[in-house]
Amino acid sequence: MKVYRYITGKDDNAFCHRITAALNRGFELYGQPTLTFDQNKGSVICGQVITKDVDGVDYDPEMNLSDL
């Protein structure tokens, strides 16, 4: 099964740690990150797609993809 996640958040240290943790759990970056400016919050919002191949697991819409 291929897992797809799109992680978003304020472009800060916490966001980088979320991506780093996912990479260390076997996810891979997919494509370029996206950036936008949230004028109401006065901050840059970043998004990054990550994917992971998980062998021996069938997709179930109830599964928590963050736990894979």
Protein backbone atom coordinates (compact mmCIF):
# COMPACT_ATOMS: atom_id res chain seq x y z
CA MET A 1 0.00 0.00 0.00
CA LYS A 2 1.22 3.51 -0.73
CA VAL A 3 0.47 6.11 1.95
CA TYR A 4 0.00 9.76 1.01
CA ARG A 5 0.08 12.65 3.47
CA TYR A 6 0.07 16.40 2.96
CA ILE A 7 1.52 18.05 6.03
CA THR A 8 0.86 21.75 6.56
CA GLY A 9 1.69 24.24 9.24
CA LYS A 10 3.42 27.44 10.15
CA ASP A 11 6.90 27.49 8.60
CA ASP A 12 8.81 27.14 11.85
CA ASN A 13 10.98 24.74 13.81
CA ALA A 14 7.98 22.60 14.83
CA PHE A 15 6.99 22.05 11.18
CA CYS A 16 10.55 21.01 10.31
CA HIS A 17 10.53 18.55 13.23
CA ARG A 18 7.24 17.02 11.98
CA ILE A 19 8.74 16.47 8.52
CA THR A 20 12.01 15.15 9.98
CA ALA A 21 10.14 12.69 12.21
CA ALA A 22 8.13 11.43 9.23
CA LEU A 23 11.29 10.98 7.16
CA ASN A 24 12.83 8.97 9.97
CA ARG A 25 9.73 6.72 10.00
CA GLY A 26 10.33 5.86 6.34
CA PHE A 27 8.30 8.53 4.54
CA GLU A 28 9.83 10.23 1.51
CA LEU A 29 9.39 13.77 0.24
CA TYR A 30 7.23 14.02 -2.85
CA GLY A 31 7.43 17.11 -5.02
CA GLN A 32 8.26 20.61 -3.95
CA PRO A 33 7.02 22.25 -0.77
CA THR A 34 4.33 24.89 -1.05
CA LEU A 35 4.35 28.24 0.72
CA THR A 36 1.67 30.83 1.26
CA PHE A 37 1.34 33.84 3.50
CA ASP A 38 -1.52 33.92 6.02
CA GLN A 39 -2.21 37.62 6.32
CA ASN A 40 -4.51 37.16 9.33
CA LYS A 41 -1.86 35.31 11.33
CA GLY A 42 1.07 37.21 9.83
CA SER A 43 3.00 34.02 9.11
CA VAL A 44 4.15 31.81 6.27
CA ILE A 45 2.31 28.49 5.98
CA CYS A 46 4.25 25.60 4.49
CA GLY A 47 2.97 22.36 2.99
CA GLN A 48 4.85 19.23 1.99
CA VAL A 49 3.61 15.99 0.48
CA ILE A 50 5.19 12.82 1.86
CA THR A 51 4.62 9.22 0.75
CA LYS A 52 5.54 5.80 2.05
CA ASP A 53 5.23 2.26 0.74
CA VAL A 54 3.91 -0.09 3.43
CA ASP A 55 4.16 -3.80 2.62
CA GLY A 56 1.66 -6.30 3.93
CA VAL A 57 -0.99 -3.75 4.88
CA ASP A 58 -4.29 -3.24 3.09
CA TYR A 59 -5.83 0.21 2.97
CA ASP A 60 -8.65 0.87 5.41
CA PRO A 61 -10.32 4.31 5.53
CA GLU A 62 -10.43 4.03 9.34
CA MET A 63 -6.64 3.75 9.74
CA ASN A 64 -4.58 6.61 11.14
CA LEU A 65 -2.06 7.33 8.39
CA SER A 66 0.08 9.31 10.83
CA ASP A 67 0.83 6.10 12.74
CA LEU A 68 2.30 4.23 9.78
